[in-house]
Amino acid sequence: MDGVNAEVARIFAAKEERRKALARLPFPEKVRAVIELQKMAATILRARGKIVRPWNVRATSEKNPSASKASPTKS
């Protein structure tokens, strides 16, 4: 039984490390990861007949290129 407990402990430790690594990612990388997850889920949902549309960050930034820039403050 000890081998099972050691394996479970290893799995939980790896899971915690993965969470920490994801937490250290810059925000744009986190958004990319969410979009990839949306694309994977969209494939399954479309097969079930659902209408889904993952985020399109490029389309958003092209429509409003100044959205990512800070607006100047008035003095």
N, C-alpha and C. Protein backbone atom coordinates (compact mmCIF):
# COMPACT_ATOMS: atom_id res chain seq x y z
N MET A 1 0.82 -1.19 0.00
CA MET A 1 0.00 0.00 0.00
C MET A 1 0.87 1.25 0.00
N ASP A 2 2.09 1.13 0.51
CA ASP A 2 2.97 2.30 0.60
C ASP A 2 3.30 2.86 -0.78
N GLY A 3 3.45 1.98 -1.78
CA GLY A 3 3.74 2.44 -3.13
C GLY A 3 2.62 3.29 -3.71
N VAL A 4 1.38 2.94 -3.37
CA VAL A 4 0.22 3.71 -3.84
C VAL A 4 0.24 5.10 -3.21
N ASN A 5 0.49 5.16 -1.89
CA ASN A 5 0.53 6.45 -1.21
C ASN A 5 1.64 7.33 -1.74
N ALA A 6 2.80 6.73 -2.04
CA ALA A 6 3.91 7.50 -2.59
C ALA A 6 3.56 8.05 -3.97
N GLU A 7 2.86 7.25 -4.77
CA GLU A 7 2.45 7.70 -6.11
C GLU A 7 1.43 8.83 -6.01
N VAL A 8 0.49 8.70 -5.10
CA VAL A 8 -0.52 9.75 -4.91
C VAL A 8 0.17 11.04 -4.44
N ALA A 9 1.12 10.93 -3.53
CA ALA A 9 1.85 12.10 -3.04
C ALA A 9 2.62 12.75 -4.19
N ARG A 10 3.22 11.93 -5.06
CA ARG A 10 3.96 12.47 -6.21
C ARG A 10 3.01 13.21 -7.15
N ILE A 11 1.83 12.64 -7.38
CA ILE A 11 0.86 13.28 -8.28
C ILE A 11 0.42 14.63 -7.72
N PHE A 12 0.11 14.66 -6.41
CA PHE A 12 -0.32 15.93 -5.80
C PHE A 12 0.79 16.97 -5.81
N ALA A 13 2.03 16.54 -5.60
CA ALA A 13 3.16 17.48 -5.64
C ALA A 13 3.34 18.04 -7.04
N ALA A 14 3.20 17.19 -8.05
CA ALA A 14 3.32 17.66 -9.44
C ALA A 14 2.19 18.62 -9.79
N LYS A 15 1.00 18.33 -9.28
CA LYS A 15 -0.15 19.20 -9.52
C LYS A 15 0.08 20.58 -8.90
N GLU A 16 0.62 20.62 -7.69
CA GLU A 16 0.91 21.88 -7.02
C GLU A 16 1.98 22.67 -7.78
N GLU A 17 3.01 21.98 -8.25
CA GLU A 17 4.05 22.66 -9.04
C GLU A 17 3.47 23.25 -10.32
N ARG A 18 2.59 22.50 -10.97
CA ARG A 18 1.95 22.99 -12.19
C ARG A 18 1.14 24.25 -11.90
N ARG A 19 0.40 24.26 -10.81
CA ARG A 19 -0.37 25.45 -10.43
C ARG A 19 0.53 26.64 -10.21
N LYS A 20 1.65 26.42 -9.53
CA LYS A 20 2.59 27.52 -9.28
C LYS A 20 3.19 28.03 -10.58
N ALA A 21 3.52 27.12 -11.49
CA ALA A 21 4.09 27.53 -12.78
C ALA A 21 3.08 28.35 -13.58
N LEU A 22 1.82 27.93 -13.58
CA LEU A 22 0.79 28.68 -14.29
C LEU A 22 0.57 30.05 -13.65
N ALA A 23 0.66 30.13 -12.33
CA ALA A 23 0.49 31.40 -11.63
C ALA A 23 1.60 32.39 -11.99
N ARG A 24 2.78 31.88 -12.29
CA ARG A 24 3.92 32.75 -12.63
C ARG A 24 3.88 33.26 -14.06
N LEU A 25 3.01 32.71 -14.90
CA LEU A 25 2.95 33.15 -16.29
C LEU A 25 2.50 34.60 -16.39
N PRO A 26 3.00 35.34 -17.39
CA PRO A 26 2.50 36.69 -17.62
C PRO A 26 1.03 36.63 -18.08
N PHE A 27 0.30 37.71 -17.83
CA PHE A 27 -1.12 37.74 -18.14
C PHE A 27 -1.44 37.36 -19.59
N PRO A 28 -0.73 37.87 -20.61
CA PRO A 28 -1.05 37.48 -21.99
C PRO A 28 -0.94 35.97 -22.23
N GLU A 29 0.01 35.32 -21.57
CA GLU A 29 0.15 33.86 -21.71
C GLU A 29 -1.04 33.14 -21.08
N LYS A 30 -1.53 33.67 -19.98
CA LYS A 30 -2.70 33.08 -19.33
C LYS A 30 -3.92 33.19 -20.24
N VAL A 31 -4.07 34.34 -20.89
CA VAL A 31 -5.20 34.53 -21.81
C VAL A 31 -5.09 33.56 -22.98
N ARG A 32 -3.88 33.39 -23.51
CA ARG A 32 -3.68 32.43 -24.61
C ARG A 32 -4.07 31.02 -24.18
N ALA A 33 -3.73 30.67 -22.95
CA ALA A 33 -4.08 29.34 -22.44
C ALA A 33 -5.60 29.18 -22.36
N VAL A 34 -6.29 30.21 -21.91
CA VAL A 34 -7.76 30.16 -21.83
C VAL A 34 -8.35 30.00 -23.23
N ILE A 35 -7.82 30.72 -24.19
CA ILE A 35 -8.32 30.63 -25.57
C ILE A 35 -8.12 29.22 -26.12
N GLU A 36 -6.97 28.62 -25.84
CA GLU A 36 -6.73 27.24 -26.30
C GLU A 36 -7.72 26.27 -25.66
N LEU A 37 -8.00 26.46 -24.38
CA LEU A 37 -9.00 25.62 -23.72
C LEU A 37 -10.38 25.82 -24.34
N GLN A 38 -10.71 27.07 -24.68
CA GLN A 38 -11.99 27.36 -25.32
C GLN A 38 -12.09 26.65 -26.68
N LYS A 39 -10.99 26.65 -27.42
CA LYS A 39 -10.99 25.99 -28.74
C LYS A 39 -11.22 24.49 -28.58
N MET A 40 -10.58 23.89 -27.58
CA MET A 40 -10.76 22.45 -27.35
C MET A 40 -12.20 22.15 -26.95
N ALA A 41 -12.75 22.96 -26.07
CA ALA A 41 -14.13 22.75 -25.63
C ALA A 41 -15.10 23.01 -26.78
N ALA A 42 -14.79 23.99 -27.64
CA ALA A 42 -15.68 24.32 -28.75
C ALA A 42 -15.86 23.14 -29.70
N THR A 43 -14.81 22.38 -29.91
CA THR A 43 -14.90 21.20 -30.78
C THR A 43 -15.93 20.22 -30.23
N ILE A 44 -15.88 19.98 -28.94
CA ILE A 44 -16.82 19.05 -28.31
C ILE A 44 -18.23 19.62 -28.33
N LEU A 45 -18.37 20.90 -27.99
CA LEU A 45 -19.69 21.51 -27.94
C LEU A 45 -20.35 21.58 -29.31
N ARG A 46 -19.55 21.85 -30.34
CA ARG A 46 -20.11 21.88 -31.70
C ARG A 46 -20.61 20.50 -32.11
N ALA A 47 -19.90 19.48 -31.70
CA ALA A 47 -20.34 18.11 -32.00
C ALA A 47 -21.68 17.80 -31.33
N ARG A 48 -21.97 18.51 -30.26
CA ARG A 48 -23.24 18.34 -29.55
C ARG A 48 -24.33 19.27 -30.09
N GLY A 49 -23.98 20.05 -31.13
CA GLY A 49 -24.97 20.94 -31.75
C GLY A 49 -25.04 22.33 -31.15
N LYS A 50 -24.12 22.68 -30.29
CA LYS A 50 -24.12 24.01 -29.67
C LYS A 50 -23.39 24.99 -30.57
N ILE A 51 -23.79 26.25 -30.50
CA ILE A 51 -23.10 27.31 -31.23
C ILE A 51 -22.16 28.00 -30.24
N VAL A 52 -20.87 27.92 -30.53
CA VAL A 52 -19.87 28.51 -29.64
C VAL A 52 -18.86 29.30 -30.46
N ARG A 53 -18.25 30.28 -29.82
CA ARG A 53 -17.24 31.08 -30.48
C ARG A 53 -16.16 31.46 -29.46
N PRO A 54 -15.00 30.83 -29.54
CA PRO A 54 -13.91 31.21 -28.62
C PRO A 54 -13.51 32.66 -28.82
N TRP A 55 -12.89 33.23 -27.81
CA TRP A 55 -12.43 34.61 -27.90
C TRP A 55 -11.51 34.78 -29.10
N ASN A 56 -11.58 35.95 -29.71
CA ASN A 56 -10.67 36.30 -30.80
C ASN A 56 -9.96 37.59 -30.38
N VAL A 57 -8.85 37.46 -29.70
CA VAL A 57 -8.14 38.61 -29.15
C VAL A 57 -7.57 39.48 -30.25
N ARG A 58 -7.11 38.89 -31.33
CA ARG A 58 -6.55 39.68 -32.43
C ARG A 58 -7.60 40.59 -33.04
N ALA A 59 -8.81 40.10 -33.23
CA ALA A 59 -9.88 40.92 -33.79
C ALA A 59 -10.19 42.09 -32.87
N THR A 60 -10.16 41.87 -31.57
CA THR A 60 -10.44 42.93 -30.61
C THR A 60 -9.37 44.00 -30.68
N SER A 61 -8.10 43.61 -30.71
CA SER A 61 -7.03 44.60 -30.72
C SER A 61 -6.94 45.32 -32.07
N GLU A 62 -7.37 44.67 -33.16
CA GLU A 62 -7.36 45.34 -34.46
C GLU A 62 -8.46 46.39 -34.56
N LYS A 63 -9.61 46.11 -33.95
CA LYS A 63 -10.71 47.06 -33.98
C LYS A 63 -10.39 48.31 -33.17
N ASN A 64 -9.69 48.15 -32.07
CA ASN A 64 -9.38 49.27 -31.19
C ASN A 64 -7.92 49.19 -30.79
N PRO A 65 -7.00 49.61 -31.68
CA PRO A 65 -5.57 49.46 -31.40
C PRO A 65 -5.11 50.25 -30.20
N SER A 66 -5.83 51.30 -29.81
CA SER A 66 -5.41 52.09 -28.66
C SER A 66 -5.93 51.54 -27.36
N ALA A 67 -6.69 50.44 -27.39
CA ALA A 67 -7.28 49.88 -26.17
C ALA A 67 -6.20 49.40 -25.21
N SER A 68 -5.08 48.95 -25.70
CA SER A 68 -4.05 48.46 -24.80
C SER A 68 -3.13 49.56 -24.29
N LYS A 69 -3.26 50.75 -24.85
CA LYS A 69 -2.41 51.87 -24.43
C LYS A 69 -3.11 52.65 -23.33
N ALA A 70 -2.34 53.16 -22.41
CA ALA A 70 -2.90 53.98 -21.34
C ALA A 70 -3.30 55.34 -21.91
N SER A 71 -4.43 55.83 -21.50
CA SER A 71 -4.86 57.14 -21.99
C SER A 71 -4.12 58.22 -21.22
N PRO A 72 -3.74 59.30 -21.91
CA PRO A 72 -3.01 60.37 -21.25
C PRO A 72 -3.93 61.08 -20.24
N THR A 73 -3.34 61.50 -19.15
CA THR A 73 -4.12 62.22 -18.14
C THR A 73 -4.06 63.71 -18.44
N LYS A 74 -5.15 64.38 -18.13
CA LYS A 74 -5.19 65.84 -18.33
C LYS A 74 -4.65 66.53 -17.10
N SER A 75 -3.88 67.59 -17.33
CA SER A 75 -3.32 68.34 -16.19
C SER A 75 -3.99 69.67 -16.07
